[in-house]
Amino acid sequence: MTVTVFGLSLVELPALASAVVLVLARWLPPGARRPSTLAGAAGLVVSAIVAAVLGIRWQLLPVLAGGGIALAFAAPSLLGWRAGRRARWWVALPRSAACLALIVAGAAAAWALPLPVFPEPSGAHAVGTTVVQWTDPDRAEAATSRADDRRTVVVQLWYPARDVPPAAQRARYLGRTAREAQVVARGEAGYLGLPAFVLDEPARARTRSAPDAPVAGGGDRFPVVLFSPGLGGVRTQNTAWAEELASRGYVVAALDHPYDSAVVTLADGRTVRTRVAATGDQAEDNRRAAGWTAVRAADLSFVLTQLGRLDRGEIPGLLSGRLDVRRAAATGHSLGGAAALQAARQDPRFAAVIDLDGFPRDPAARPFRQPVLALTHDVEPGEEPDYLPRLTRVLQLSTATGYRLTVPGTAHLTFTDAPLFMPPLPALTGSLGRTDGPRITAAATLAFLDATLRGGSGDLAATLSRYGRLTVL
């Protein structure tokens, strides 16, 4: 994995240091100016060459520009011109300030939008991952007008694997190939209304999973956890969480929902972009959200059926004979959490439900039997006044115990991988730090899954209370 300091790699840090030296050299005592300038120039040139060979990130460009301009201003010193030819201090000061501002801007961009470094899973198992694509012959694709178009989903599986050599290649974060990762990153940026380059770093990132690694030895059957991402989200958006669960003996199946997820790459190479769009009319948007949720809930049930077929060997795959679909949880983030709640109400095969900060959208909410864990962000007074009351009413419909856990210091995206690579702004990713959000999400959900799918002993409420304000329903 790439080692970074404040978002800069060990290759990029010398460029930053050299650029700063070039800016400050003008203000050093006369005897130190020339050697400092020579050292800074050499360091900047070497760092730029190395970065060019390895691939220059856009965050480094302002740093190189600031250092290069400072070097141009320092040319008189390098050429041995008389001190009297040097610019007056009141002319040099704005130049130095402008160069330093460029350097700081680049360093700040690297800190705010770093290459994500995924936490090392803490469980006993290494983690493998594979991607499958399944088509439901019984459902038409509602997003297209073709009569013969059947609903297709892309599913990424994370599973307990045998020991993986440290030097083994790890899976890309956003796609199976560099091209797919780039397409997904650009699609997500476009969906969010961001410049394409903002998600360049996630497109380059590697995870902790090994592609198609052999499944862990032994005859154990693993409980399965199905996951639906947020509106416009993609199957990989909770990879840190999925890898932690897989290391603890679960199989996680995360779905791409074509025409809903920002962009999905199908097996035949086609790229399917979202057709989801808000109208600005609240009643119409609520109606649309209910429709999207229903499609996602059906996708979750279909994938659970396919996992059963995979376990029985009816579908070839690495995990044949190793899945315990009788111990299955429906989970999701945001709209995906709403879909998980609806899937559980409609499909009794799901034994538990986890809603990661999702507003319930089921228009026909009725009693269901599964226990539920709902993690919510720290809702401010007056914010989303209908959210917690509606969520509470839905959780109370369960004939089993429901848990609503509000985690202090969180925002809506805290429960995803976003804190690993998005700017650490409290309103965006919460105030818990880069890795605490994914860590708490995994710890709380693992405690719930161990209790509900594995019959674990201990006081679940007391365990969950460690992570926030708990309401037991």
Protein backbone atom coordinates (compact mmCIF):
# COMPACT_ATOMS: atom_id res chain seq x y z
CA MET A 1 0.00 0.00 0.00
CA THR A 2 1.15 3.56 -0.70
CA VAL A 3 2.53 5.40 2.33
CA THR A 4 1.34 9.00 2.60
CA VAL A 5 1.97 11.90 4.97
CA PHE A 6 -0.73 14.58 4.96
CA GLY A 7 -1.93 13.16 1.65
CA LEU A 8 1.49 13.34 -0.06
CA SER A 9 3.46 10.24 -0.95
CA LEU A 10 7.08 9.73 0.03
CA VAL A 11 7.98 10.62 -3.57
CA GLU A 12 6.04 13.88 -3.45
CA LEU A 13 7.22 15.15 -0.07
CA PRO A 14 10.72 16.06 -1.37
CA ALA A 15 9.08 18.16 -4.09
CA LEU A 16 7.12 20.05 -1.46
CA ALA A 17 10.20 20.56 0.71
CA SER A 18 12.31 21.68 -2.26
CA ALA A 19 9.68 24.16 -3.42
CA VAL A 20 9.46 25.69 0.06
CA VAL A 21 13.27 25.96 0.22
CA LEU A 22 13.31 27.81 -3.11
CA VAL A 23 10.75 30.32 -1.84
CA LEU A 24 12.55 30.90 1.45
CA ALA A 25 16.05 31.05 -0.01
CA ARG A 26 15.53 34.69 -1.04
CA TRP A 27 15.09 35.63 2.63
CA LEU A 28 18.05 33.76 4.09
CA PRO A 29 21.36 35.42 5.08
CA PRO A 30 23.54 36.19 2.02
CA GLY A 31 25.92 33.28 2.60
CA ALA A 32 23.08 30.71 2.66
CA ARG A 33 21.09 31.91 -0.34
CA ARG A 34 23.09 30.32 -3.15
CA PRO A 35 23.61 26.84 -1.60
CA SER A 36 19.96 26.72 -0.48
CA THR A 37 18.78 27.69 -3.95
CA LEU A 38 21.02 25.05 -5.57
CA ALA A 39 19.78 22.37 -3.16
CA GLY A 40 16.14 23.36 -3.68
CA ALA A 41 16.55 23.43 -7.47
CA ALA A 42 18.19 19.99 -7.55
CA GLY A 43 15.53 18.52 -5.27
CA LEU A 44 12.68 20.00 -7.28
CA VAL A 45 14.03 18.79 -10.63
CA VAL A 46 14.73 15.27 -9.38
CA SER A 47 11.33 15.04 -7.67
CA ALA A 48 9.57 16.28 -10.81
CA ILE A 49 11.34 13.70 -12.97
CA VAL A 50 10.50 10.85 -10.57
CA ALA A 51 6.88 12.00 -10.32
CA ALA A 52 6.63 12.22 -14.11
CA VAL A 53 7.87 8.65 -14.46
CA LEU A 54 5.46 7.35 -11.82
CA GLY A 55 2.56 9.58 -12.88
CA ILE A 56 2.07 13.13 -11.65
CA ARG A 57 -1.07 13.73 -9.61
CA TRP A 58 -2.89 16.98 -10.23
CA GLN A 59 -2.41 17.98 -6.58
CA LEU A 60 1.34 18.17 -7.16
CA LEU A 61 1.08 20.59 -10.09
CA PRO A 62 0.59 23.75 -7.97
CA VAL A 63 3.55 22.68 -5.82
CA LEU A 64 5.79 22.28 -8.88
CA ALA A 65 4.49 25.54 -10.35
CA GLY A 66 5.19 27.47 -7.15
CA GLY A 67 8.67 25.99 -6.88
CA GLY A 68 9.38 26.58 -10.57
CA ILE A 69 8.40 30.25 -10.39
CA ALA A 70 10.48 30.70 -7.26
CA LEU A 71 13.41 29.12 -9.09
CA ALA A 72 12.97 31.59 -11.94
CA PHE A 73 13.06 34.47 -9.46
CA ALA A 74 16.17 32.95 -7.87
CA ALA A 75 18.04 32.74 -11.19
CA PRO A 76 20.09 35.91 -10.48
CA SER A 77 21.48 34.28 -7.35
CA LEU A 78 22.35 31.09 -9.22
CA LEU A 79 24.04 33.05 -12.00
CA GLY A 80 26.15 34.98 -9.52
CA TRP A 81 24.71 38.39 -10.33
CA ARG A 82 25.53 41.22 -7.95
CA ALA A 83 23.33 41.54 -4.92
CA GLY A 84 22.37 45.01 -6.12
CA ARG A 85 20.57 43.49 -9.10
CA ARG A 86 18.25 41.55 -6.83
CA ALA A 87 14.66 42.77 -6.54
CA ARG A 88 13.81 45.08 -3.69
CA TRP A 89 12.17 43.36 -0.73
CA TRP A 90 8.85 45.07 -1.30
CA VAL A 91 8.83 43.64 -4.85
CA ALA A 92 10.10 40.20 -3.83
CA LEU A 93 7.66 39.76 -0.95
CA PRO A 94 4.49 39.54 -3.10
CA ARG A 95 6.30 37.17 -5.47
CA SER A 96 7.31 34.89 -2.63
CA ALA A 97 3.83 35.04 -1.13
CA ALA A 98 2.26 34.07 -4.47
CA CYS A 99 4.64 31.13 -4.89
CA LEU A 100 4.03 29.99 -1.33
CA ALA A 101 0.27 30.25 -1.87
CA LEU A 102 0.54 27.91 -4.87
CA ILE A 103 2.58 25.43 -2.87
CA VAL A 104 0.18 25.53 0.07
CA ALA A 105 -2.80 25.12 -2.28
CA GLY A 106 -1.30 21.95 -3.73
CA ALA A 107 -0.47 20.54 -0.32
CA ALA A 108 -3.97 21.41 0.94
CA ALA A 109 -5.56 19.67 -2.06
CA ALA A 110 -3.46 16.56 -1.41
CA TRP A 111 -4.55 16.60 2.25
CA ALA A 112 -8.23 17.21 1.47
CA LEU A 113 -8.46 14.72 -1.43
CA PRO A 114 -5.89 12.01 -0.68
CA LEU A 115 -5.35 8.59 -2.13
CA PRO A 116 -7.59 6.43 0.10
CA VAL A 117 -5.69 3.97 2.26
CA PHE A 118 -8.03 1.22 3.41
CA PRO A 119 -7.80 -0.05 7.00
CA GLU A 120 -6.26 -3.46 7.46
CA PRO A 121 -9.14 -5.85 8.33
CA SER A 122 -8.86 -7.05 11.90
CA GLY A 123 -10.42 -10.51 11.58
CA ALA A 124 -8.79 -13.91 11.36
CA HIS A 125 -9.30 -14.30 7.62
CA ALA A 126 -7.67 -12.76 4.59
CA VAL A 127 -10.22 -11.28 2.20
CA GLY A 128 -10.98 -12.24 -1.38
CA THR A 129 -13.31 -10.54 -3.82
CA THR A 130 -14.99 -11.36 -7.09
CA VAL A 131 -17.61 -9.77 -9.32
CA VAL A 132 -20.58 -11.53 -10.91
CA GLN A 133 -23.47 -10.43 -13.12
CA TRP A 134 -26.91 -11.96 -12.94
CA THR A 135 -30.07 -11.42 -15.01
CA ASP A 136 -33.55 -12.02 -13.62
CA PRO A 137 -35.62 -13.71 -16.37
CA ASP A 138 -38.84 -12.97 -14.50
CA ARG A 139 -38.50 -9.19 -14.34
CA ALA A 140 -38.56 -6.69 -17.16
CA GLU A 141 -36.18 -3.73 -17.00
CA ALA A 142 -38.51 -0.87 -16.13
CA ALA A 143 -35.96 1.80 -17.08
CA THR A 144 -35.95 0.89 -20.78
CA SER A 145 -38.62 0.49 -23.44
CA ARG A 146 -37.33 -2.79 -24.87
CA ALA A 147 -39.84 -5.59 -24.31
CA ASP A 148 -37.08 -8.24 -24.16
CA ASP A 149 -34.85 -6.33 -21.73
CA ARG A 150 -34.60 -8.22 -18.42
CA ARG A 151 -33.43 -6.78 -15.10
CA THR A 152 -29.66 -7.28 -14.65
CA VAL A 153 -27.56 -6.56 -11.57
CA VAL A 154 -23.81 -6.54 -11.00
CA VAL A 155 -22.74 -7.95 -7.64
CA GLN A 156 -19.38 -7.77 -5.90
CA LEU A 157 -18.66 -10.46 -3.32
CA TRP A 158 -16.16 -10.14 -0.47
CA TYR A 159 -15.46 -13.41 1.34
CA PRO A 160 -13.08 -15.09 3.80
CA ALA A 161 -10.03 -16.25 1.89
CA ARG A 162 -6.96 -18.34 2.50
CA ASP A 163 -3.77 -16.53 3.44
CA VAL A 164 -2.80 -14.14 0.67
CA PRO A 165 0.92 -13.46 0.10
CA PRO A 166 1.83 -9.89 1.08
CA ALA A 167 3.14 -9.21 -2.43
CA ALA A 168 -0.07 -10.40 -4.12
CA GLN A 169 -1.89 -7.80 -6.19
CA ARG A 170 -4.86 -6.24 -4.45
CA ALA A 171 -8.17 -5.38 -6.08
CA ARG A 172 -8.80 -1.91 -7.44
CA TYR A 173 -11.30 0.12 -5.48
CA LEU A 174 -13.76 1.36 -8.10
CA GLY A 175 -13.57 -1.32 -10.76
CA ARG A 176 -12.09 -4.56 -11.98
CA THR A 177 -9.78 -2.75 -14.40
CA ALA A 178 -8.11 0.64 -14.55
CA ARG A 179 -10.53 1.69 -17.27
CA GLU A 180 -13.61 0.65 -15.30
CA ALA A 181 -12.32 2.42 -12.19
CA GLN A 182 -11.79 5.62 -14.19
CA VAL A 183 -15.24 5.40 -15.80
CA VAL A 184 -16.89 4.89 -12.41
CA ALA A 185 -14.93 7.75 -10.83
CA ARG A 186 -15.88 10.14 -13.63
CA GLY A 187 -19.49 8.97 -13.49
CA GLU A 188 -19.69 9.51 -9.73
CA ALA A 189 -18.11 12.95 -10.02
CA GLY A 190 -20.55 13.92 -12.75
CA TYR A 191 -23.50 12.65 -10.71
CA LEU A 192 -22.38 14.74 -7.74
CA GLY A 193 -21.74 17.80 -9.92
CA LEU A 194 -18.01 17.79 -9.18
CA PRO A 195 -15.06 18.30 -11.53
CA ALA A 196 -13.93 14.94 -12.93
CA PHE A 197 -10.46 15.17 -11.38
CA VAL A 198 -11.83 15.31 -7.82
CA LEU A 199 -12.19 11.50 -7.72
CA ASP A 200 -8.94 10.69 -9.50
CA GLU A 201 -7.42 9.31 -6.30
CA PRO A 202 -10.16 6.75 -5.55
CA ALA A 203 -9.82 5.59 -9.16
CA ARG A 204 -6.14 4.81 -8.49
CA ALA A 205 -6.67 3.17 -5.10
CA ARG A 206 -6.15 -0.46 -4.20
CA THR A 207 -8.09 -2.20 -1.44
CA ARG A 208 -7.13 -4.96 1.01
CA SER A 209 -8.89 -7.70 -0.99
CA ALA A 210 -7.27 -10.17 -3.37
CA PRO A 211 -9.19 -10.74 -6.63
CA ASP A 212 -10.55 -14.29 -6.96
CA ALA A 213 -8.44 -15.58 -4.06
CA PRO A 214 -9.14 -19.16 -2.91
CA VAL A 215 -11.86 -19.39 -0.28
CA ALA A 216 -10.78 -20.02 3.31
CA GLY A 217 -10.26 -23.66 4.17
CA GLY A 218 -12.57 -25.81 6.24
CA GLY A 219 -16.19 -26.67 5.67
CA ASP A 220 -17.80 -23.72 7.40
CA ARG A 221 -20.76 -22.06 5.74
CA PHE A 222 -20.65 -18.31 5.97
CA PRO A 223 -23.62 -16.04 6.78
CA VAL A 224 -24.40 -13.63 3.94
CA VAL A 225 -24.88 -9.87 4.11
CA LEU A 226 -26.48 -8.19 1.10
CA PHE A 227 -25.82 -4.47 0.61
CA SER A 228 -27.54 -1.78 -1.43
CA PRO A 229 -25.65 1.53 -1.84
CA GLY A 230 -27.05 5.04 -1.55
CA LEU A 231 -28.90 6.89 -4.29
CA GLY A 232 -26.49 7.14 -7.21
CA GLY A 233 -23.96 5.15 -5.20
CA VAL A 234 -21.98 2.18 -6.48
CA ARG A 235 -21.34 -1.30 -5.16
CA THR A 236 -17.89 -0.45 -3.80
CA GLN A 237 -18.91 2.57 -1.69
CA ASN A 238 -18.62 0.59 1.58
CA THR A 239 -15.56 -1.50 0.77
CA ALA A 240 -13.79 -0.90 4.11
CA TRP A 241 -16.90 -2.17 5.92
CA ALA A 242 -17.29 -5.15 3.59
CA GLU A 243 -13.65 -6.18 3.99
CA GLU A 244 -13.89 -6.03 7.78
CA LEU A 245 -17.01 -8.22 7.76
CA ALA A 246 -15.41 -10.72 5.37
CA SER A 247 -12.35 -10.98 7.60
CA ARG A 248 -14.73 -11.96 10.42
CA GLY A 249 -16.33 -14.81 8.51
CA TYR A 250 -19.18 -13.18 6.55
CA VAL A 251 -19.79 -13.05 2.82
CA VAL A 252 -20.84 -9.57 1.70
CA ALA A 253 -22.72 -9.16 -1.58
CA ALA A 254 -22.93 -5.50 -2.69
CA LEU A 255 -25.13 -4.55 -5.63
CA ASP A 256 -24.85 -2.14 -8.50
CA HIS A 257 -28.40 -1.16 -9.52
CA PRO A 258 -28.29 -0.26 -13.24
CA TYR A 259 -30.01 3.01 -14.19
CA ASP A 260 -29.88 3.99 -10.49
CA SER A 261 -26.20 3.67 -9.54
CA ALA A 262 -24.24 6.56 -11.06
CA VAL A 263 -22.56 4.29 -13.58
CA VAL A 264 -22.43 0.51 -14.02
CA THR A 265 -20.12 -1.42 -16.34
CA LEU A 266 -21.72 -4.61 -17.63
CA ALA A 267 -19.91 -7.79 -18.64
CA ASP A 268 -20.28 -7.00 -22.35
CA GLY A 269 -18.50 -3.67 -21.86
CA ARG A 270 -21.59 -1.47 -21.98
CA THR A 271 -21.68 1.45 -19.59
CA VAL A 272 -25.09 2.13 -18.03
CA ARG A 273 -25.53 5.56 -16.50
CA THR A 274 -28.12 6.66 -13.99
CA ARG A 275 -31.55 7.82 -15.10
CA VAL A 276 -32.49 8.87 -11.59
CA ALA A 277 -33.28 12.56 -11.30
CA ALA A 278 -35.14 14.75 -8.86
CA THR A 279 -37.83 17.14 -10.08
CA GLY A 280 -37.87 19.62 -7.22
CA ASP A 281 -41.49 18.76 -6.49
CA GLN A 282 -41.47 17.01 -3.11
CA ALA A 283 -44.57 14.89 -3.72
CA GLU A 284 -43.27 13.72 -7.10
CA ASP A 285 -39.78 13.07 -5.74
CA ASN A 286 -41.23 11.01 -2.89
CA ARG A 287 -43.23 8.98 -5.41
CA ARG A 288 -40.14 8.39 -7.51
CA ALA A 289 -38.05 7.45 -4.48
CA ALA A 290 -40.68 4.87 -3.50
CA GLY A 291 -40.44 3.38 -6.99
CA TRP A 292 -36.65 3.23 -6.94
CA THR A 293 -36.77 1.63 -3.48
CA ALA A 294 -39.17 -1.06 -4.68
CA VAL A 295 -36.87 -1.97 -7.57
CA ARG A 296 -33.89 -2.17 -5.23
CA ALA A 297 -35.82 -4.34 -2.74
CA ALA A 298 -36.65 -6.76 -5.55
CA ASP A 299 -32.98 -6.74 -6.58
CA LEU A 300 -31.97 -7.75 -3.04
CA SER A 301 -34.42 -10.67 -3.00
CA PHE A 302 -33.27 -11.78 -6.46
CA VAL A 303 -29.61 -11.76 -5.40
CA LEU A 304 -30.45 -13.80 -2.29
CA THR A 305 -32.08 -16.37 -4.59
CA GLN A 306 -28.99 -16.41 -6.81
CA LEU A 307 -26.70 -16.87 -3.81
CA GLY A 308 -28.74 -19.92 -2.85
CA ARG A 309 -28.30 -21.29 -6.36
CA LEU A 310 -24.57 -20.53 -6.17
CA ASP A 311 -24.30 -22.43 -2.91
CA ARG A 312 -26.09 -25.44 -4.38
CA GLY A 313 -23.78 -25.48 -7.40
CA GLU A 314 -26.50 -24.51 -9.88
CA ILE A 315 -24.36 -21.47 -10.69
CA PRO A 316 -20.60 -22.11 -10.91
CA GLY A 317 -18.46 -20.05 -8.58
CA LEU A 318 -15.82 -19.96 -5.87
CA LEU A 319 -18.35 -20.06 -3.03
CA SER A 320 -20.35 -23.14 -4.00
CA GLY A 321 -21.17 -25.12 -0.88
CA ARG A 322 -19.92 -22.36 1.45
CA LEU A 323 -22.90 -20.01 1.85
CA ASP A 324 -25.52 -20.17 4.58
CA VAL A 325 -28.41 -18.30 2.99
CA ARG A 326 -30.63 -19.18 5.94
CA ARG A 327 -28.56 -16.64 7.87
CA ALA A 328 -28.91 -13.62 5.61
CA ALA A 329 -29.13 -9.90 6.38
CA ALA A 330 -30.47 -7.15 4.14
CA THR A 331 -28.42 -3.98 4.57
CA GLY A 332 -27.97 -0.66 2.82
CA HIS A 333 -26.98 2.97 3.05
CA SER A 334 -29.39 5.87 2.54
CA LEU A 335 -31.89 4.80 -0.16
CA GLY A 336 -30.26 1.38 0.06
CA GLY A 337 -31.20 1.25 3.74
CA ALA A 338 -34.80 1.98 2.79
CA ALA A 339 -34.60 -0.84 0.25
CA ALA A 340 -33.26 -3.21 2.91
CA LEU A 341 -36.20 -2.44 5.20
CA GLN A 342 -38.67 -3.02 2.38
CA ALA A 343 -36.94 -6.21 1.23
CA ALA A 344 -37.17 -7.63 4.75
CA ARG A 345 -40.87 -6.78 4.97
CA GLN A 346 -41.52 -8.53 1.65
CA ASP A 347 -39.10 -11.45 1.95
CA PRO A 348 -39.07 -13.53 5.17
CA ARG A 349 -35.85 -15.26 4.08
CA PHE A 350 -33.92 -12.28 5.44
CA ALA A 351 -33.15 -12.87 9.11
CA ALA A 352 -31.95 -9.35 10.02
CA VAL A 353 -31.87 -5.81 8.66
CA ILE A 354 -29.33 -2.97 8.89
CA ASP A 355 -30.27 0.54 7.77
CA LEU A 356 -27.31 2.92 7.52
CA ASP A 357 -28.90 6.36 7.75
CA GLY A 358 -31.74 5.62 5.34
CA PHE A 359 -35.13 7.35 5.32
CA PRO A 360 -37.87 4.64 5.06
CA ARG A 361 -39.65 4.79 1.70
CA ASP A 362 -41.99 1.78 1.82
CA PRO A 363 -45.47 3.20 1.11
CA ALA A 364 -47.10 0.02 2.49
CA ALA A 365 -45.09 -0.35 5.69
CA ARG A 366 -46.53 -3.21 7.72
CA PRO A 367 -45.30 -5.39 10.59
CA PHE A 368 -42.28 -7.58 9.87
CA ARG A 369 -40.47 -10.11 11.98
CA GLN A 370 -36.77 -9.31 11.61
CA PRO A 371 -34.65 -7.45 14.17
CA VAL A 372 -33.35 -4.13 12.84
CA LEU A 373 -30.31 -1.96 13.53
CA ALA A 374 -30.55 1.60 12.25
CA LEU A 375 -27.46 3.81 12.43
CA THR A 376 -28.22 7.51 12.07
CA HIS A 377 -26.05 10.56 11.77
CA ASP A 378 -26.10 13.20 14.49
CA VAL A 379 -29.27 15.01 13.41
CA GLU A 380 -29.23 18.70 14.30
CA PRO A 381 -32.35 20.35 15.79
CA GLY A 382 -34.69 21.31 12.97
CA GLU A 383 -32.85 19.14 10.43
CA GLU A 384 -35.00 16.62 8.56
CA PRO A 385 -37.86 16.82 11.08
CA ASP A 386 -39.67 13.80 9.59
CA TYR A 387 -36.66 11.49 9.52
CA LEU A 388 -36.30 10.15 13.06
CA PRO A 389 -40.05 10.00 13.83
CA ARG A 390 -40.75 8.03 10.63
CA LEU A 391 -37.76 5.75 11.19
CA THR A 392 -38.89 5.09 14.75
CA ARG A 393 -42.44 4.22 13.62
CA VAL A 394 -41.08 1.75 11.06
CA LEU A 395 -38.73 0.10 13.54
CA GLN A 396 -41.62 -0.31 15.96
CA LEU A 397 -43.43 -2.37 13.32
CA SER A 398 -40.90 -5.16 13.78
CA THR A 399 -42.09 -7.93 16.06
CA ALA A 400 -38.44 -8.40 17.07
CA THR A 401 -36.25 -5.90 18.91
CA GLY A 402 -35.16 -2.83 16.99
CA TYR A 403 -32.15 -0.65 17.74
CA ARG A 404 -31.70 2.97 16.66
CA LEU A 405 -28.15 4.14 17.23
CA THR A 406 -27.23 7.79 16.73
CA VAL A 407 -23.45 8.17 16.43
CA PRO A 408 -22.10 11.55 17.61
CA GLY A 409 -19.81 13.42 15.25
CA THR A 410 -21.19 11.76 12.14
CA ALA A 411 -22.70 13.02 8.89
CA HIS A 412 -24.60 11.10 6.23
CA LEU A 413 -21.43 9.96 4.42
CA THR A 414 -19.61 8.91 7.60
CA PHE A 415 -21.09 5.43 7.19
CA THR A 416 -19.40 4.94 3.80
CA ASP A 417 -15.80 5.01 2.56
CA ALA A 418 -16.07 8.76 1.88
CA PRO A 419 -14.07 9.85 4.97
CA LEU A 420 -11.06 8.02 3.51
CA PHE A 421 -10.81 10.31 0.48
CA MET A 422 -13.21 13.27 0.74
CA PRO A 423 -12.45 16.61 2.47
CA PRO A 424 -12.75 16.20 6.26
CA LEU A 425 -15.56 18.72 6.62
CA PRO A 426 -18.03 18.03 9.46
CA ALA A 427 -21.07 18.69 7.27
CA LEU A 428 -19.77 16.30 4.61
CA THR A 429 -18.06 13.38 6.32
CA GLY A 430 -18.45 14.17 10.02
CA SER A 431 -15.80 15.04 12.56
CA LEU A 432 -14.54 11.58 13.57
CA GLY A 433 -11.44 11.50 11.40
CA ARG A 434 -10.47 9.55 8.32
CA THR A 435 -10.87 6.00 9.66
CA ASP A 436 -13.13 6.28 12.72
CA GLY A 437 -16.36 6.41 10.72
CA PRO A 438 -15.75 3.15 8.83
CA ARG A 439 -14.37 1.56 12.01
CA ILE A 440 -17.43 2.42 14.14
CA THR A 441 -19.80 1.40 11.36
CA ALA A 442 -18.12 -2.00 11.15
CA ALA A 443 -17.92 -2.51 14.92
CA ALA A 444 -21.58 -1.70 15.57
CA THR A 445 -22.91 -3.73 12.66
CA LEU A 446 -20.69 -6.69 13.49
CA ALA A 447 -22.01 -6.76 17.05
CA PHE A 448 -25.57 -6.79 15.68
CA LEU A 449 -24.85 -9.44 13.03
CA ASP A 450 -23.03 -11.69 15.49
CA ALA A 451 -26.04 -11.50 17.81
CA THR A 452 -28.76 -11.99 15.19
CA LEU A 453 -27.14 -14.32 12.64
CA ARG A 454 -24.78 -16.27 14.87
CA GLY A 455 -26.68 -16.28 18.14
CA GLY A 456 -23.86 -14.58 19.97
CA SER A 457 -24.11 -14.16 23.70
CA GLY A 458 -23.69 -10.94 25.63
CA ASP A 459 -25.63 -7.75 26.06
CA LEU A 460 -26.09 -6.32 22.56
CA ALA A 461 -27.63 -3.09 23.84
CA ALA A 462 -24.67 -2.46 26.13
CA THR A 463 -22.25 -3.11 23.27
CA LEU A 464 -24.06 -0.77 20.87
CA SER A 465 -24.24 1.93 23.54
CA ARG A 466 -20.46 2.28 23.36
CA TYR A 467 -20.79 3.89 19.97
CA GLY A 468 -23.53 6.45 20.52
CA ARG A 469 -27.01 7.21 21.81
CA LEU A 470 -29.07 4.04 21.68
CA THR A 471 -32.84 3.71 21.61
CA VAL A 472 -34.21 0.17 21.98
CA LEU A 473 -37.63 -0.28 20.38
